[in-house]
Amino acid sequence: MKKLFTLLLALLLITGCTSASTKESKLKTIKEKGEIVVAISPDYAPYEFMDATKEGQDRYVGADVELAKYIADKLGVKLVIKPLEFKDIAGAVSMGKYDIGISGFTYSEERAEQVVFSKTYDTTESTCQGFLIDQSTNDQYKSLEDFKGKTVAVQSASLQEKYVNEEIPESNKKLVAQLDDAVIQLSLGKVDAVAISCSSGETFINAHDNLMIADVKFEASDDQGTKVIGPKGDTELIEEINKIIEEMLQDNLYTQWMNDALELAKELGV
């Protein structure tokens, strides 16, 4: 019996060590297979969107896509982009279906239960959070209270959904999978407003001259910023990504990528 107990204990220790090693070897696995698989939601210009004039992986463009390319290049591996609905990315990364997620993610306690966050690579997302509305209705909104009873479309599981829940709880929230759908519904008069980051909202205004960003804004937290997400418990990979982000920030590359993406989105009318 004593020998059996000793054997079982040894097996448990070996299993535990193997499990820990597996969790810590994500970076090694990526380098060995020669590619990093990045999940994005390509409906969020200027961060990540589609260029219909291109094919294959080249269709995916935007500032976040450039960041993904930069990370892959620094790791010395091929980039493979996988498009998903935004609400599904964190869960898919947590389950190991994809290596990382880059799609304008900000920190939340709910997400932190599933994934680990990199350091902030951009604060544009937190600078202005507001509403996309029809220009003819701007005078209706003097404060957040004026959205009481209004139908507000918002992307499911987004930072903006959090703000809608917390700051205009008496509005009629309408969840959408993609921002394109929300803007179409706004144009058709099916919703009164779309909760959106101002930078993303500007890209839709370029394609819809009857729309505008409302004067009223959310009281967005100044400590928010966009981050890369990775599988929880895998510190080695996220620490390496943090080093890459730090180098990128020192060279001010993301600002250039954002400017280029804004110009491209304007040209494409998205």
Protein backbone atom coordinates (compact mmCIF):
# COMPACT_ATOMS: atom_id res chain seq x y z
CA MET A 1 0.00 0.00 0.00
CA LYS A 2 2.85 2.34 0.90
CA LYS A 3 4.55 1.63 -2.44
CA LEU A 4 1.28 2.28 -4.28
CA PHE A 5 0.83 5.60 -2.48
CA THR A 6 4.40 6.61 -3.34
CA LEU A 7 3.84 5.71 -7.00
CA LEU A 8 0.60 7.71 -7.18
CA LEU A 9 2.25 10.71 -5.55
CA ALA A 10 5.08 10.57 -8.05
CA LEU A 11 2.63 10.42 -10.95
CA LEU A 12 0.74 13.43 -9.62
CA LEU A 13 3.95 15.41 -9.30
CA ILE A 14 4.99 14.51 -12.84
CA THR A 15 1.55 15.45 -14.19
CA GLY A 16 1.65 18.76 -12.37
CA CYS A 17 5.09 19.59 -13.68
CA THR A 18 4.10 18.64 -17.21
CA SER A 19 0.99 20.81 -17.00
CA ALA A 20 2.97 23.79 -15.74
CA SER A 21 5.57 23.26 -18.44
CA THR A 22 2.85 23.16 -21.10
CA LYS A 23 1.37 26.44 -19.90
CA GLU A 24 4.77 28.11 -19.93
CA SER A 25 5.81 26.83 -23.36
CA LYS A 26 3.30 28.73 -25.54
CA LEU A 27 6.01 31.03 -26.87
CA LYS A 28 8.25 28.06 -27.64
CA THR A 29 5.38 26.30 -29.41
CA ILE A 30 4.71 29.37 -31.57
CA LYS A 31 8.34 29.59 -32.60
CA GLU A 32 8.57 25.87 -33.29
CA LYS A 33 5.51 25.83 -35.57
CA GLY A 34 6.69 29.04 -37.21
CA GLU A 35 3.43 30.96 -36.96
CA ILE A 36 1.32 32.93 -34.53
CA VAL A 37 -2.47 32.80 -34.89
CA VAL A 38 -4.15 36.07 -33.99
CA ALA A 39 -7.92 36.47 -33.56
CA ILE A 40 -9.46 39.80 -34.57
CA SER A 41 -12.92 41.23 -35.25
CA PRO A 42 -12.41 43.02 -38.59
CA ASP A 43 -15.39 45.35 -38.34
CA TYR A 44 -13.81 48.05 -36.22
CA ALA A 45 -12.07 50.64 -38.38
CA PRO A 46 -9.51 52.12 -38.02
CA TYR A 47 -8.27 49.36 -35.69
CA GLU A 48 -9.15 46.31 -37.78
CA PHE A 49 -11.30 46.17 -40.90
CA MET A 50 -11.54 44.66 -44.38
CA ASP A 51 -10.13 45.89 -47.67
CA ALA A 52 -12.40 44.32 -50.29
CA THR A 53 -9.91 45.11 -53.06
CA LYS A 54 -7.49 42.52 -51.65
CA GLU A 55 -7.63 38.77 -51.11
CA GLY A 56 -6.67 36.25 -48.45
CA GLN A 57 -4.80 37.47 -45.39
CA ASP A 58 -4.10 40.79 -47.16
CA ARG A 59 -7.79 41.69 -46.76
CA TYR A 60 -7.25 42.42 -43.08
CA VAL A 61 -6.02 45.95 -42.49
CA GLY A 62 -5.89 48.54 -39.73
CA ALA A 63 -3.66 49.72 -36.90
CA ASP A 64 -4.16 46.56 -34.83
CA VAL A 65 -3.37 44.40 -37.86
CA GLU A 66 -0.10 46.29 -38.25
CA LEU A 67 0.64 45.58 -34.59
CA ALA A 68 -0.02 41.88 -35.20
CA LYS A 69 2.38 41.95 -38.16
CA TYR A 70 4.98 43.71 -36.02
CA ILE A 71 4.70 41.12 -33.23
CA ALA A 72 4.99 38.25 -35.70
CA ASP A 73 8.01 39.86 -37.34
CA LYS A 74 9.76 40.37 -34.00
CA LEU A 75 9.08 36.75 -33.05
CA GLY A 76 10.39 35.64 -36.42
CA VAL A 77 7.23 33.77 -37.38
CA LYS A 78 4.42 33.92 -39.94
CA LEU A 79 1.23 35.79 -39.05
CA VAL A 80 -2.10 34.01 -39.46
CA ILE A 81 -5.19 36.13 -38.83
CA LYS A 82 -8.48 34.50 -37.86
CA PRO A 83 -11.65 36.65 -38.04
CA LEU A 84 -14.23 36.20 -35.27
CA GLU A 85 -17.14 38.07 -33.77
CA PHE A 86 -15.75 40.31 -31.05
CA LYS A 87 -17.72 38.65 -28.26
CA ASP A 88 -16.14 35.27 -29.05
CA ILE A 89 -12.46 36.22 -29.12
CA ALA A 90 -11.61 36.19 -25.40
CA GLY A 91 -13.22 32.78 -24.90
CA ALA A 92 -11.47 31.32 -27.94
CA VAL A 93 -8.07 32.59 -26.79
CA SER A 94 -8.73 31.31 -23.28
CA MET A 95 -9.48 27.84 -24.66
CA GLY A 96 -6.28 27.84 -26.70
CA LYS A 97 -7.97 27.92 -30.11
CA TYR A 98 -5.87 30.95 -31.03
CA ASP A 99 -2.57 32.25 -29.65
CA ILE A 100 -3.57 35.84 -28.89
CA GLY A 101 -6.33 38.35 -29.56
CA ILE A 102 -5.81 41.90 -30.85
CA SER A 103 -9.06 43.77 -31.33
CA GLY A 104 -9.19 46.98 -29.32
CA PHE A 105 -9.40 45.11 -26.01
CA THR A 106 -9.52 47.05 -22.76
CA TYR A 107 -9.21 45.60 -19.28
CA SER A 108 -12.27 44.40 -17.42
CA GLU A 109 -12.61 42.12 -14.41
CA GLU A 110 -14.85 39.80 -16.41
CA ARG A 111 -12.28 39.39 -19.18
CA ALA A 112 -9.48 39.00 -16.64
CA GLU A 113 -11.15 35.78 -15.48
CA GLN A 114 -10.49 34.33 -18.94
CA VAL A 115 -7.32 35.93 -20.28
CA VAL A 116 -4.15 37.78 -19.38
CA PHE A 117 -3.53 41.33 -20.65
CA SER A 118 -0.43 42.91 -22.11
CA LYS A 119 0.64 46.42 -21.27
CA THR A 120 -1.33 49.21 -22.97
CA TYR A 121 -0.31 49.88 -26.55
CA ASP A 122 -2.79 52.67 -27.33
CA THR A 123 -4.91 55.10 -25.32
CA THR A 124 -6.94 56.49 -28.23
CA GLU A 125 -9.77 54.09 -27.40
CA SER A 126 -10.24 55.65 -23.95
CA THR A 127 -9.84 59.30 -24.95
CA CYS A 128 -13.36 59.71 -26.30
CA GLN A 129 -16.34 57.39 -25.89
CA GLY A 130 -19.66 58.60 -27.21
CA PHE A 131 -22.58 58.15 -29.55
CA LEU A 132 -23.03 58.06 -33.29
CA ILE A 133 -26.32 59.79 -34.14
CA ASP A 134 -28.19 61.37 -37.03
CA GLN A 135 -27.22 65.04 -37.30
CA SER A 136 -30.86 66.12 -37.15
CA THR A 137 -31.22 64.74 -33.61
CA ASN A 138 -28.17 66.28 -31.95
CA ASP A 139 -30.22 68.97 -30.18
CA GLN A 140 -32.17 66.23 -28.37
CA TYR A 141 -29.12 65.21 -26.36
CA LYS A 142 -27.88 67.68 -23.76
CA SER A 143 -26.83 65.09 -21.18
CA LEU A 144 -26.68 61.33 -20.68
CA GLU A 145 -30.13 61.56 -19.07
CA ASP A 146 -31.57 62.36 -22.48
CA PHE A 147 -30.84 58.82 -23.64
CA LYS A 148 -33.46 57.50 -21.21
CA GLY A 149 -35.94 55.45 -23.22
CA LYS A 150 -33.86 55.78 -26.40
CA THR A 151 -32.77 52.69 -28.32
CA VAL A 152 -28.99 52.49 -28.30
CA ALA A 153 -27.18 49.89 -30.40
CA VAL A 154 -23.89 48.60 -29.03
CA GLN A 155 -21.50 45.80 -29.91
CA SER A 156 -21.87 42.80 -27.61
CA ALA A 157 -19.13 42.34 -24.97
CA SER A 158 -17.49 45.66 -25.89
CA LEU A 159 -16.24 48.43 -23.62
CA GLN A 160 -19.12 50.53 -24.87
CA GLU A 161 -21.64 47.96 -23.63
CA LYS A 162 -20.13 48.39 -20.17
CA TYR A 163 -20.65 52.15 -20.39
CA VAL A 164 -24.23 51.75 -21.60
CA ASN A 165 -24.99 49.44 -18.66
CA GLU A 166 -23.40 51.75 -16.11
CA GLU A 167 -24.13 55.26 -17.37
CA ILE A 168 -27.42 55.02 -19.30
CA PRO A 169 -29.15 51.99 -17.72
CA GLU A 170 -32.61 53.33 -18.56
CA SER A 171 -31.95 53.32 -22.29
CA ASN A 172 -33.12 50.43 -24.45
CA LYS A 173 -29.92 48.56 -25.21
CA LYS A 174 -29.80 46.69 -28.51
CA LEU A 175 -26.86 44.30 -28.86
CA VAL A 176 -25.26 43.72 -32.25
CA ALA A 177 -22.49 41.38 -33.33
CA GLN A 178 -20.86 43.89 -35.68
CA LEU A 179 -20.72 47.68 -35.72
CA ASP A 180 -21.64 47.72 -39.40
CA ASP A 181 -25.03 46.29 -38.45
CA ALA A 182 -25.53 48.97 -35.82
CA VAL A 183 -24.76 51.78 -38.26
CA ILE A 184 -27.14 50.33 -40.85
CA GLN A 185 -29.90 50.22 -38.23
CA LEU A 186 -29.14 53.82 -37.29
CA SER A 187 -29.33 54.91 -40.93
CA LEU A 188 -32.69 53.14 -41.28
CA GLY A 189 -34.04 54.79 -38.14
CA LYS A 190 -34.37 51.50 -36.25
CA VAL A 191 -32.15 52.74 -33.40
CA ASP A 192 -31.60 56.24 -32.03
CA ALA A 193 -27.86 56.01 -31.45
CA VAL A 194 -24.82 53.77 -31.59
CA ALA A 195 -22.48 53.65 -28.60
CA ILE A 196 -18.99 53.82 -30.08
CA SER A 197 -15.46 55.12 -29.63
CA CYS A 198 -15.08 58.49 -31.32
CA SER A 199 -12.14 57.35 -33.45
CA SER A 200 -14.17 54.46 -34.85
CA GLY A 201 -17.23 56.65 -35.21
CA GLU A 202 -15.31 59.08 -37.40
CA THR A 203 -14.67 56.34 -39.97
CA PHE A 204 -18.42 55.72 -40.31
CA ILE A 205 -19.08 59.44 -40.65
CA ASN A 206 -16.78 59.47 -43.68
CA ALA A 207 -19.15 57.04 -45.37
CA HIS A 208 -22.43 58.51 -44.04
CA ASP A 209 -22.53 62.29 -44.25
CA ASN A 210 -25.80 62.47 -42.31
CA LEU A 211 -24.20 61.05 -39.17
CA MET A 212 -22.17 62.72 -36.42
CA ILE A 213 -20.67 62.14 -33.00
CA ALA A 214 -23.08 63.54 -30.40
CA ASP A 215 -21.89 66.41 -28.21
CA VAL A 216 -22.73 64.27 -25.18
CA LYS A 217 -20.04 61.74 -24.26
CA PHE A 218 -19.62 58.91 -21.79
CA GLU A 219 -17.56 59.64 -18.70
CA ALA A 220 -14.82 57.29 -19.90
CA SER A 221 -12.14 56.22 -17.45
CA ASP A 222 -8.73 57.77 -18.12
CA ASP A 223 -6.89 54.59 -17.12
CA GLN A 224 -8.36 52.55 -19.97
CA GLY A 225 -6.24 51.63 -22.94
CA THR A 226 -6.11 48.89 -25.55
CA LYS A 227 -4.15 45.73 -24.83
CA VAL A 228 -3.28 42.38 -26.39
CA ILE A 229 -4.93 39.38 -24.73
CA GLY A 230 -3.39 35.95 -24.27
CA PRO A 231 -4.23 32.67 -22.54
CA LYS A 232 -4.36 33.03 -18.78
CA GLY A 233 -1.36 31.62 -16.93
CA ASP A 234 0.99 31.95 -19.90
CA THR A 235 3.32 34.65 -18.56
CA GLU A 236 6.21 33.88 -20.91
CA LEU A 237 4.31 34.81 -24.08
CA ILE A 238 2.71 37.98 -22.73
CA GLU A 239 6.02 39.16 -21.23
CA GLU A 240 7.67 38.80 -24.62
CA ILE A 241 4.80 40.71 -26.23
CA ASN A 242 5.21 43.45 -23.61
CA LYS A 243 8.85 43.87 -24.66
CA ILE A 244 7.78 44.14 -28.29
CA ILE A 245 5.09 46.70 -27.42
CA GLU A 246 7.61 48.77 -25.46
CA GLU A 247 9.92 48.88 -28.48
CA MET A 248 7.00 49.82 -30.72
CA LEU A 249 5.96 52.66 -28.40
CA GLN A 250 9.49 54.04 -28.26
CA ASP A 251 9.46 54.34 -32.05
CA ASN A 252 5.94 55.84 -32.01
CA LEU A 253 4.84 53.33 -34.62
CA TYR A 254 1.23 52.87 -33.52
CA THR A 255 0.46 56.55 -34.11
CA GLN A 256 1.68 56.20 -37.70
CA TRP A 257 -0.29 52.99 -38.18
CA MET A 258 -3.41 54.70 -36.87
CA ASN A 259 -2.99 57.68 -39.19
CA ASP A 260 -2.48 55.38 -42.17
CA ALA A 261 -5.52 53.30 -41.19
CA LEU A 262 -7.72 56.38 -40.86
CA GLU A 263 -6.69 57.49 -44.34
CA LEU A 264 -7.29 54.02 -45.80
CA ALA A 265 -10.70 53.74 -44.14
CA LYS A 266 -11.63 57.10 -45.64
CA GLU A 267 -10.51 55.98 -49.10
CA LEU A 268 -12.48 52.73 -48.82
CA GLY A 269 -15.55 54.47 -47.42
CA VAL A 270 -15.77 52.25 -44.33
